PDB file of N, CA and C in Angstrom:
ATOM      1  N   MET A   1      86.544  95.763 113.762  1.00  0.00           N
ATOM      2  CA  MET A   1      87.702  96.496 113.299  1.00  0.00           C
ATOM      3  C   MET A   1      88.178  96.082 111.919  1.00  0.00           C
ATOM      4  N   TYR A   2      87.803  94.793 111.593  1.00  0.00           N
ATOM      5  CA  TYR A   2      88.272  94.263 110.258  1.00  0.00           C
ATOM      6  C   TYR A   2      87.171  93.910 109.372  1.00  0.00           C
ATOM      7  N   ARG A   3      87.331  94.140 108.065  1.00  0.00           N
ATOM      8  CA  ARG A   3      86.395  93.742 107.111  1.00  0.00           C
ATOM      9  C   ARG A   3      86.782  92.394 106.456  1.00  0.00           C
ATOM     10  N   SER A   4      88.116  92.086 106.474  1.00  0.00           N
ATOM     11  CA  SER A   4      88.600  90.759 106.133  1.00  0.00           C
ATOM     12  C   SER A   4      89.760  90.463 106.996  1.00  0.00           C
ATOM     13  N   PHE A   5      90.451  89.404 106.744  1.00  0.00           N
ATOM     14  CA  PHE A   5      91.488  88.965 107.713  1.00  0.00           C
ATOM     15  C   PHE A   5      92.665  90.003 107.794  1.00  0.00           C
ATOM     16  N   ALA A   6      92.888  90.706 106.726  1.00  0.00           N
ATOM     17  CA  ALA A   6      93.989  91.635 106.801  1.00  0.00           C
ATOM     18  C   ALA A   6      93.603  93.124 106.591  1.00  0.00           C
ATOM     19  N   LYS A   7      92.393  93.365 106.133  1.00  0.00           N
ATOM     20  CA  LYS A   7      91.974  94.734 105.871  1.00  0.00           C
ATOM     21  C   LYS A   7      91.178  95.300 106.975  1.00  0.00           C
ATOM     22  N   MET A   8      91.526  96.518 107.515  1.00  0.00           N
ATOM     23  CA  MET A   8      90.869  97.140 108.568  1.00  0.00           C
ATOM     24  C   MET A   8      89.832  98.116 108.021  1.00  0.00           C
ATOM     25  N   ASN A   9      88.784  98.337 108.807  1.00  0.00           N
ATOM     26  CA  ASN A   9      87.851  99.393 108.503  1.00  0.00           C
ATOM     27  C   ASN A   9      88.465 100.700 108.818  1.00  0.00           C
ATOM     28  N   ASN A  10      87.967 101.745 108.190  1.00  0.00           N
ATOM     29  CA  ASN A  10      88.513 103.092 108.417  1.00  0.00           C
ATOM     30  C   ASN A  10      88.031 103.609 109.735  1.00  0.00           C
ATOM     31  N   ARG A  11      86.818 103.317 110.132  1.00  0.00           N
ATOM     32  CA  ARG A  11      86.218 103.848 111.341  1.00  0.00           C
ATOM     33  C   ARG A  11      85.414 102.784 112.034  1.00  0.00           C
ATOM     34  N   CYS A  12      85.226 102.924 113.313  1.00  0.00           N
ATOM     35  CA  CYS A  12      84.390 102.007 114.140  1.00  0.00           C
ATOM     36  C   CYS A  12      82.932 102.189 113.749  1.00  0.00           C
ATOM     37  N   SER A  13      82.120 101.169 113.581  1.00  0.00           N
ATOM     38  CA  SER A  13      80.755 101.348 113.209  1.00  0.00           C
ATOM     39  C   SER A  13      79.897 101.741 114.428  1.00  0.00           C
ATOM     40  N   ASN A  14      80.396 101.597 115.632  1.00  0.00           N
ATOM     41  CA  ASN A  14      79.631 102.023 116.762  1.00  0.00           C
ATOM     42  C   ASN A  14      79.947 103.423 117.314  1.00  0.00           C
ATOM     43  N   CYS A  15      81.230 103.788 117.396  1.00  0.00           N
ATOM     44  CA  CYS A  15      81.566 105.080 118.005  1.00  0.00           C
ATOM     45  C   CYS A  15      82.246 106.029 117.020  1.00  0.00           C
ATOM     46  N   ASP A  16      82.475 105.642 115.776  1.00  0.00           N
ATOM     47  CA  ASP A  16      83.043 106.394 114.716  1.00  0.00           C
ATOM     48  C   ASP A  16      84.548 106.775 115.006  1.00  0.00           C
ATOM     49  N   LEU A  17      85.208 106.058 115.884  1.00  0.00           N
ATOM     50  CA  LEU A  17      86.614 106.271 116.118  1.00  0.00           C
ATOM     51  C   LEU A  17      87.408 105.796 114.946  1.00  0.00           C
ATOM     52  N   ARG A  18      88.393 106.624 114.519  1.00  0.00           N
ATOM     53  CA  ARG A  18      89.194 106.348 113.385  1.00  0.00           C
ATOM     54  C   ARG A  18      90.122 105.190 113.711  1.00  0.00           C
ATOM     55  N   ILE A  19      89.952 104.089 113.084  1.00  0.00           N
ATOM     56  CA  ILE A  19      90.715 102.892 113.391  1.00  0.00           C
ATOM     57  C   ILE A  19      91.979 102.812 112.454  1.00  0.00           C
ATOM     58  N   ALA A  20      91.748 103.104 111.206  1.00  0.00           N
ATOM     59  CA  ALA A  20      92.908 103.091 110.188  1.00  0.00           C
ATOM     60  C   ALA A  20      93.833 104.288 110.597  1.00  0.00           C
ATOM     61  N   ARG A  21      95.012 103.957 110.927  1.00  0.00           N
ATOM     62  CA  ARG A  21      96.016 104.929 111.345  1.00  0.00           C
ATOM     63  C   ARG A  21      97.195 105.010 110.335  1.00  0.00           C
ATOM     64  N   PRO A  22      98.016 105.991 110.487  1.00  0.00           N
ATOM     65  CA  PRO A  22      99.178 106.151 109.590  1.00  0.00           C
ATOM     66  C   PRO A  22     100.114 104.941 109.822  1.00  0.00           C
ATOM     67  N   GLY A  23     100.894 104.691 108.848  1.00  0.00           N
ATOM     68  CA  GLY A  23     101.903 103.561 108.924  1.00  0.00           C
ATOM     69  C   GLY A  23     102.713 103.644 110.179  1.00  0.00           C
ATOM     70  N   GLY A  24     102.968 102.523 110.845  1.00  0.00           N
ATOM     71  CA  GLY A  24     103.728 102.467 111.982  1.00  0.00           C
ATOM     72  C   GLY A  24     103.010 102.563 113.286  1.00  0.00           C
ATOM     73  N   TYR A  25     101.728 103.017 113.227  1.00  0.00           N
ATOM     74  CA  TYR A  25     100.951 103.176 114.466  1.00  0.00           C
ATOM     75  C   TYR A  25     100.758 101.879 115.234  1.00  0.00           C
ATOM     76  N   TYR A  26     100.526 100.851 114.495  1.00  0.00           N
ATOM     77  CA  TYR A  26     100.236  99.639 115.213  1.00  0.00           C
ATOM     78  C   TYR A  26     101.500  98.743 115.424  1.00  0.00           C
ATOM     79  N   LEU A  27     102.649  99.392 115.333  1.00  0.00           N
ATOM     80  CA  LEU A  27     103.895  98.661 115.620  1.00  0.00           C
ATOM     81  C   LEU A  27     103.911  98.190 117.047  1.00  0.00           C
ATOM     82  N   GLY A  28     103.352  99.008 117.962  1.00  0.00           N
ATOM     83  CA  GLY A  28     103.279  98.531 119.361  1.00  0.00           C
ATOM     84  C   GLY A  28     102.563  97.298 119.607  1.00  0.00           C
ATOM     85  N   SER A  29     101.530  97.058 118.718  1.00  0.00           N
ATOM     86  CA  SER A  29     100.708  95.798 118.857  1.00  0.00           C
ATOM     87  C   SER A  29     101.603  94.551 118.635  1.00  0.00           C
ATOM     88  N   VAL A  30     102.721  94.685 117.923  1.00  0.00           N
ATOM     89  CA  VAL A  30     103.659  93.591 117.745  1.00  0.00           C
ATOM     90  C   VAL A  30     104.271  93.234 119.145  1.00  0.00           C
ATOM     91  N   TYR A  31     104.620  94.246 119.938  1.00  0.00           N
ATOM     92  CA  TYR A  31     105.147  94.028 121.246  1.00  0.00           C
ATOM     93  C   TYR A  31     104.109  93.379 122.247  1.00  0.00           C
ATOM     94  N   VAL A  32     102.839  93.875 122.091  1.00  0.00           N
ATOM     95  CA  VAL A  32     101.704  93.320 122.856  1.00  0.00           C
ATOM     96  C   VAL A  32     101.584  91.858 122.492  1.00  0.00           C
ATOM     97  N   ASN A  33     101.574  91.554 121.231  1.00  0.00           N
ATOM     98  CA  ASN A  33     101.421  90.159 120.714  1.00  0.00           C
ATOM     99  C   ASN A  33     102.548  89.311 121.242  1.00  0.00           C
ATOM    100  N   TYR A  34     103.762  89.825 121.138  1.00  0.00           N
ATOM    101  CA  TYR A  34     104.942  89.057 121.629  1.00  0.00           C
ATOM    102  C   TYR A  34     104.925  88.800 123.082  1.00  0.00           C
ATOM    103  N   GLY A  35     104.531  89.839 123.862  1.00  0.00           N
ATOM    104  CA  GLY A  35     104.468  89.650 125.312  1.00  0.00           C
ATOM    105  C   GLY A  35     103.471  88.596 125.758  1.00  0.00           C
ATOM    106  N   ILE A  36     102.222  88.701 125.130  1.00  0.00           N
ATOM    107  CA  ILE A  36     101.264  87.746 125.504  1.00  0.00           C
ATOM    108  C   ILE A  36     101.621  86.382 125.055  1.00  0.00           C
ATOM    109  N   THR A  37     102.177  86.208 123.914  1.00  0.00           N
ATOM    110  CA  THR A  37     102.661  84.892 123.411  1.00  0.00           C
ATOM    111  C   THR A  37     103.681  84.357 124.341  1.00  0.00           C
ATOM    112  N   ALA A  38     104.725  85.146 124.667  1.00  0.00           N
ATOM    113  CA  ALA A  38     105.787  84.673 125.598  1.00  0.00           C
ATOM    114  C   ALA A  38     105.234  84.293 126.982  1.00  0.00           C
ATOM    115  N   ALA A  39     104.385  85.180 127.545  1.00  0.00           N
ATOM    116  CA  ALA A  39     103.863  84.807 128.873  1.00  0.00           C
ATOM    117  C   ALA A  39     102.977  83.580 128.853  1.00  0.00           C
ATOM    118  N   THR A  40     102.127  83.403 127.832  1.00  0.00           N
ATOM    119  CA  THR A  40     101.316  82.244 127.662  1.00  0.00           C
ATOM    120  C   THR A  40     102.205  80.937 127.511  1.00  0.00           C
ATOM    121  N   MET A  41     103.220  81.109 126.709  1.00  0.00           N
ATOM    122  CA  MET A  41     104.049  79.929 126.456  1.00  0.00           C
ATOM    123  C   MET A  41     104.871  79.572 127.777  1.00  0.00           C
ATOM    124  N   THR A  42     105.277  80.565 128.465  1.00  0.00           N
ATOM    125  CA  THR A  42     106.034  80.363 129.729  1.00  0.00           C
ATOM    126  C   THR A  42     105.164  79.611 130.756  1.00  0.00           C
ATOM    127  N   VAL A  43     103.877  80.035 130.869  1.00  0.00           N
ATOM    128  CA  VAL A  43     102.962  79.363 131.768  1.00  0.00           C
ATOM    129  C   VAL A  43     102.741  77.946 131.342  1.00  0.00           C
ATOM    130  N   ILE A  44     102.494  77.761 130.053  1.00  0.00           N
ATOM    131  CA  ILE A  44     102.195  76.376 129.521  1.00  0.00           C
ATOM    132  C   ILE A  44     103.460  75.514 129.773  1.00  0.00           C
ATOM    133  N   PHE A  45     104.654  76.066 129.470  1.00  0.00           N
ATOM    134  CA  PHE A  45     105.858  75.306 129.654  1.00  0.00           C
ATOM    135  C   PHE A  45     106.101  74.865 131.117  1.00  0.00           C
ATOM    136  N   LEU A  46     105.962  75.841 132.001  1.00  0.00           N
ATOM    137  CA  LEU A  46     106.191  75.505 133.434  1.00  0.00           C
ATOM    138  C   LEU A  46     105.132  74.629 133.953  1.00  0.00           C
ATOM    139  N   THR A  47     103.948  74.735 133.539  1.00  0.00           N
ATOM    140  CA  THR A  47     102.864  73.786 133.983  1.00  0.00           C
ATOM    141  C   THR A  47     103.133  72.374 133.461  1.00  0.00           C
ATOM    142  N   LEU A  48     103.526  72.204 132.217  1.00  0.00           N
ATOM    143  CA  LEU A  48     103.842  70.900 131.653  1.00  0.00           C
ATOM    144  C   LEU A  48     105.063  70.329 132.182  1.00  0.00           C
ATOM    145  N   ARG A  49     106.175  71.136 132.250  1.00  0.00           N
ATOM    146  CA  ARG A  49     107.452  70.589 132.617  1.00  0.00           C
ATOM    147  C   ARG A  49     107.634  70.411 134.124  1.00  0.00           C
ATOM    148  N   VAL A  50     107.224  71.430 134.914  1.00  0.00           N
ATOM    149  CA  VAL A  50     107.371  71.328 136.401  1.00  0.00           C
ATOM    150  C   VAL A  50     106.148  70.644 136.998  1.00  0.00           C
ATOM    151  N   GLY A  51     104.980  71.101 136.555  1.00  0.00           N
ATOM    152  CA  GLY A  51     103.814  70.543 137.249  1.00  0.00           C
ATOM    153  C   GLY A  51     103.512  69.072 136.963  1.00  0.00           C
ATOM    154  N   PHE A  52     103.550  68.787 135.601  1.00  0.00           N
ATOM    155  CA  PHE A  52     103.286  67.393 135.184  1.00  0.00           C
ATOM    156  C   PHE A  52     104.562  66.557 134.897  1.00  0.00           C
ATOM    157  N   GLN A  53     105.711  67.103 134.941  1.00  0.00           N
ATOM    158  CA  GLN A  53     106.978  66.516 134.747  1.00  0.00           C
ATOM    159  C   GLN A  53     107.035  65.744 133.415  1.00  0.00           C
ATOM    160  N   ILE A  54     106.559  66.433 132.351  1.00  0.00           N
ATOM    161  CA  ILE A  54     106.569  65.927 131.039  1.00  0.00           C
ATOM    162  C   ILE A  54     107.996  66.151 130.443  1.00  0.00           C
ATOM    163  N   PRO A  55     108.574  65.224 129.875  1.00  0.00           N
ATOM    164  CA  PRO A  55     109.975  65.388 129.308  1.00  0.00           C
ATOM    165  C   PRO A  55     110.033  66.513 128.307  1.00  0.00           C
ATOM    166  N   MET A  56     111.187  67.200 128.249  1.00  0.00           N
ATOM    167  CA  MET A  56     111.405  68.280 127.342  1.00  0.00           C
ATOM    168  C   MET A  56     111.198  67.861 125.892  1.00  0.00           C
ATOM    169  N   LYS A  57     111.632  66.689 125.543  1.00  0.00           N
ATOM    170  CA  LYS A  57     111.543  66.195 124.141  1.00  0.00           C
ATOM    171  C   LYS A  57     110.095  66.120 123.709  1.00  0.00           C
ATOM    172  N   THR A  58     109.243  65.850 124.587  1.00  0.00           N
ATOM    173  CA  THR A  58     107.779  65.691 124.313  1.00  0.00           C
ATOM    174  C   THR A  58     107.069  66.995 124.072  1.00  0.00           C
ATOM    175  N   ILE A  59     107.532  68.126 124.809  1.00  0.00           N
ATOM    176  CA  ILE A  59     106.832  69.342 124.756  1.00  0.00           C
ATOM    177  C   ILE A  59     107.443  70.426 123.811  1.00  0.00           C
ATOM    178  N   ILE A  60     108.648  70.176 123.392  1.00  0.00           N
ATOM    179  CA  ILE A  60     109.390  71.187 122.675  1.00  0.00           C
ATOM    180  C   ILE A  60     108.701  71.477 121.277  1.00  0.00           C
ATOM    181  N   TRP A  61     108.325  70.471 120.550  1.00  0.00           N
ATOM    182  CA  TRP A  61     107.723  70.730 119.213  1.00  0.00           C
ATOM    183  C   TRP A  61     106.290  71.349 119.282  1.00  0.00           C
ATOM    184  N   PRO A  62     105.407  70.865 120.220  1.00  0.00           N
ATOM    185  CA  PRO A  62     104.144  71.521 120.357  1.00  0.00           C
ATOM    186  C   PRO A  62     104.276  73.009 120.746  1.00  0.00           C
ATOM    187  N   LEU A  63     105.192  73.304 121.626  1.00  0.00           N
ATOM    188  CA  LEU A  63     105.457  74.694 122.046  1.00  0.00           C
ATOM    189  C   LEU A  63     106.000  75.511 120.839  1.00  0.00           C
ATOM    190  N   PHE A  64     106.828  74.947 120.023  1.00  0.00           N
ATOM    191  CA  PHE A  64     107.361  75.625 118.853  1.00  0.00           C
ATOM    192  C   PHE A  64     106.224  75.930 117.898  1.00  0.00           C
ATOM    193  N   ALA A  65     105.291  74.998 117.667  1.00  0.00           N
ATOM    194  CA  ALA A  65     104.112  75.185 116.821  1.00  0.00           C
ATOM    195  C   ALA A  65     103.186  76.335 117.403  1.00  0.00           C
ATOM    196  N   PHE A  66     103.132  76.272 118.720  1.00  0.00           N
ATOM    197  CA  PHE A  66     102.287  77.382 119.383  1.00  0.00           C
ATOM    198  C   PHE A  66     102.904  78.733 119.192  1.00  0.00           C
ATOM    199  N   CYS A  67     104.205  78.783 119.204  1.00  0.00           N
ATOM    200  CA  CYS A  67     104.858  80.093 118.980  1.00  0.00           C
ATOM    201  C   CYS A  67     104.754  80.632 117.588  1.00  0.00           C
ATOM    202  N   LEU A  68     104.396  79.685 116.666  1.00  0.00           N
ATOM    203  CA  LEU A  68     104.239  80.152 115.254  1.00  0.00           C
ATOM    204  C   LEU A  68     102.827  80.438 114.975  1.00  0.00           C
ATOM    205  N   ILE A  69     101.899  79.646 115.443  1.00  0.00           N
ATOM    206  CA  ILE A  69     100.490  79.818 115.139  1.00  0.00           C
ATOM    207  C   ILE A  69      99.781  80.830 115.999  1.00  0.00           C
ATOM    208  N   PHE A  70      99.980  80.884 117.308  1.00  0.00           N
ATOM    209  CA  PHE A  70      99.237  81.805 118.221  1.00  0.00           C
ATOM    210  C   PHE A  70      99.343  83.226 117.809  1.00  0.00           C
ATOM    211  N   PRO A  71     100.527  83.806 117.471  1.00  0.00           N
ATOM    212  CA  PRO A  71     100.720  85.197 117.169  1.00  0.00           C
ATOM    213  C   PRO A  71      99.897  85.510 115.898  1.00  0.00           C
ATOM    214  N   VAL A  72      99.836  84.633 114.996  1.00  0.00           N
ATOM    215  CA  VAL A  72      99.067  84.958 113.728  1.00  0.00           C
ATOM    216  C   VAL A  72      97.553  85.013 114.026  1.00  0.00           C
ATOM    217  N   LEU A  73      97.108  84.077 114.899  1.00  0.00           N
ATOM    218  CA  LEU A  73      95.718  84.096 115.216  1.00  0.00           C
ATOM    219  C   LEU A  73      95.391  85.203 116.215  1.00  0.00           C
ATOM    220  N   PHE A  74      96.268  85.739 116.998  1.00  0.00           N
ATOM    221  CA  PHE A  74      96.064  86.684 117.993  1.00  0.00           C
ATOM    222  C   PHE A  74      96.297  88.143 117.530  1.00  0.00           C
ATOM    223  N   PHE A  75      96.764  88.305 116.262  1.00  0.00           N
ATOM    224  CA  PHE A  75      97.177  89.715 115.879  1.00  0.00           C
ATOM    225  C   PHE A  75      96.063  90.704 115.864  1.00  0.00           C
ATOM    226  N   HIS A  76      94.792  90.232 115.503  1.00  0.00           N
ATOM    227  CA  HIS A  76      93.667  91.195 115.548  1.00  0.00           C
ATOM    228  C   HIS A  76      93.434  91.669 116.899  1.00  0.00           C
ATOM    229  N   HIS A  77      93.462  90.756 117.885  1.00  0.00           N
ATOM    230  CA  HIS A  77      93.275  91.158 119.312  1.00  0.00           C
ATOM    231  C   HIS A  77      94.379  92.060 119.849  1.00  0.00           C
ATOM    232  N   ALA A  78      95.567  91.810 119.331  1.00  0.00           N
ATOM    233  CA  ALA A  78      96.726  92.567 119.838  1.00  0.00           C
ATOM    234  C   ALA A  78      96.575  94.045 119.268  1.00  0.00           C
ATOM    235  N   ARG A  79      96.112  94.147 118.066  1.00  0.00           N
ATOM    236  CA  ARG A  79      95.902  95.497 117.587  1.00  0.00           C
ATOM    237  C   ARG A  79      94.753  96.246 118.306  1.00  0.00           C
ATOM    238  N   ALA A  80      93.674  95.506 118.599  1.00  0.00           N
ATOM    239  CA  ALA A  80      92.611  96.084 119.376  1.00  0.00           C
ATOM    240  C   ALA A  80      93.023  96.495 120.785  1.00  0.00           C
ATOM    241  N   LEU A  81      93.890  95.612 121.425  1.00  0.00           N
ATOM    242  CA  LEU A  81      94.455  96.053 122.697  1.00  0.00           C
ATOM    243  C   LEU A  81      95.354  97.236 122.632  1.00  0.00           C
ATOM    244  N   TRP A  82      96.171  97.349 121.544  1.00  0.00           N
ATOM    245  CA  TRP A  82      97.033  98.474 121.385  1.00  0.00           C
ATOM    246  C   TRP A  82      96.201  99.743 121.237  1.00  0.00           C
ATOM    247  N   LEU A  83      95.169  99.703 120.435  1.00  0.00           N
ATOM    248  CA  LEU A  83      94.350 100.865 120.214  1.00  0.00           C
ATOM    249  C   LEU A  83      93.649 101.211 121.526  1.00  0.00           C
ATOM    250  N   ALA A  84      93.235 100.241 122.299  1.00  0.00           N
ATOM    251  CA  ALA A  84      92.589 100.547 123.608  1.00  0.00           C
ATOM    252  C   ALA A  84      93.581 101.187 124.590  1.00  0.00           C
ATOM    253  N   ILE A  85      94.707 100.691 124.592  1.00  0.00           N
ATOM    254  CA  ILE A  85      95.816 101.205 125.501  1.00  0.00           C
ATOM    255  C   ILE A  85      96.063 102.701 125.074  1.00  0.00           C
ATOM    256  N   ASP A  86      96.180 102.890 123.804  1.00  0.00           N
ATOM    257  CA  ASP A  86      96.457 104.297 123.345  1.00  0.00           C
ATOM    258  C   ASP A  86      95.276 105.223 123.693  1.00  0.00           C
ATOM    259  N   CYS A  87      94.056 104.727 123.500  1.00  0.00           N
ATOM    260  CA  CYS A  87      92.893 105.552 123.848  1.00  0.00           C
ATOM    261  C   CYS A  87      92.824 105.816 125.348  1.00  0.00           C
ATOM    262  N   GLN A  88      93.288 104.886 126.133  1.00  0.00           N
ATOM    263  CA  GLN A  88      93.306 105.109 127.646  1.00  0.00           C
ATOM    264  C   GLN A  88      94.322 106.069 128.030  1.00  0.00           C
ATOM    265  N   ILE A  89      95.565 106.044 127.442  1.00  0.00           N
ATOM    266  CA  ILE A  89      96.616 106.881 127.817  1.00  0.00           C
ATOM    267  C   ILE A  89      96.460 108.305 127.275  1.00  0.00           C
ATOM    268  N   ASP A  90      96.109 108.311 125.959  1.00  0.00           N
ATOM    269  CA  ASP A  90      95.972 109.646 125.264  1.00  0.00           C
ATOM    270  C   ASP A  90      94.578 109.852 124.813  1.00  0.00           C
ATOM    271  N   ARG A  91      93.764 110.551 125.606  1.00  0.00           N
ATOM    272  CA  ARG A  91      92.369 110.751 125.302  1.00  0.00           C
ATOM    273  C   ARG A  91      92.105 111.524 124.005  1.00  0.00           C
ATOM    274  N   SER A  92      93.116 112.329 123.554  1.00  0.00           N
ATOM    275  CA  SER A  92      92.928 113.093 122.348  1.00  0.00           C
ATOM    276  C   SER A  92      92.689 112.172 121.141  1.00  0.00           C
ATOM    277  N   VAL A  93      93.120 110.960 121.174  1.00  0.00           N
ATOM    278  CA  VAL A  93      92.883 110.027 120.106  1.00  0.00           C
ATOM    279  C   VAL A  93      91.385 109.862 119.832  1.00  0.00           C
ATOM    280  N   MET A  94      90.581 109.935 120.886  1.00  0.00           N
ATOM    281  CA  MET A  94      89.100 109.833 120.731  1.00  0.00           C
ATOM    282  C   MET A  94      88.531 111.016 120.016  1.00  0.00           C
ATOM    283  N   ASP A  95      89.150 112.214 120.111  1.00  0.00           N
ATOM    284  CA  ASP A  95      88.645 113.340 119.386  1.00  0.00           C
ATOM    285  C   ASP A  95      89.167 113.581 118.024  1.00  0.00           C
ATOM    286  N   ASP A  96      90.010 112.672 117.575  1.00  0.00           N
ATOM    287  CA  ASP A  96      90.736 112.766 116.253  1.00  0.00           C
ATOM    288  C   ASP A  96      89.641 112.686 115.137  1.00  0.00           C
ATOM    289  N   ASP A  97      89.500 113.741 114.321  1.00  0.00           N
ATOM    290  CA  ASP A  97      88.648 113.725 113.181  1.00  0.00           C
ATOM    291  C   ASP A  97      89.355 113.375 111.925  1.00  0.00           C
ATOM    292  N   GLY A  98      90.749 113.312 111.913  1.00  0.00           N
ATOM    293  CA  GLY A  98      91.505 113.071 110.703  1.00  0.00           C
ATOM    294  C   GLY A  98      91.119 111.967 109.915  1.00  0.00           C
TER     295      GLY A  98
END
């Protein structure tokens, strides 16, 4: 999907699906990214705090760092998931020649 860290290809090299979309199309990927980050952080927090009884002072800063770094590293995957969800819900996206 990407030719560099921030630049997307216009079309998929395998299926010729138009990947580059009008502005605002990938806004939903922000919600996907946020949801996965929040769910992952919650599981990690509960595992460390409740499961291993690690003090809050010990886990707060690593979790804070996780909340800053993970979304940046995951945003390509979030966009791919958003496009896959859209293709699953609205099959006309697959026929788009624009």
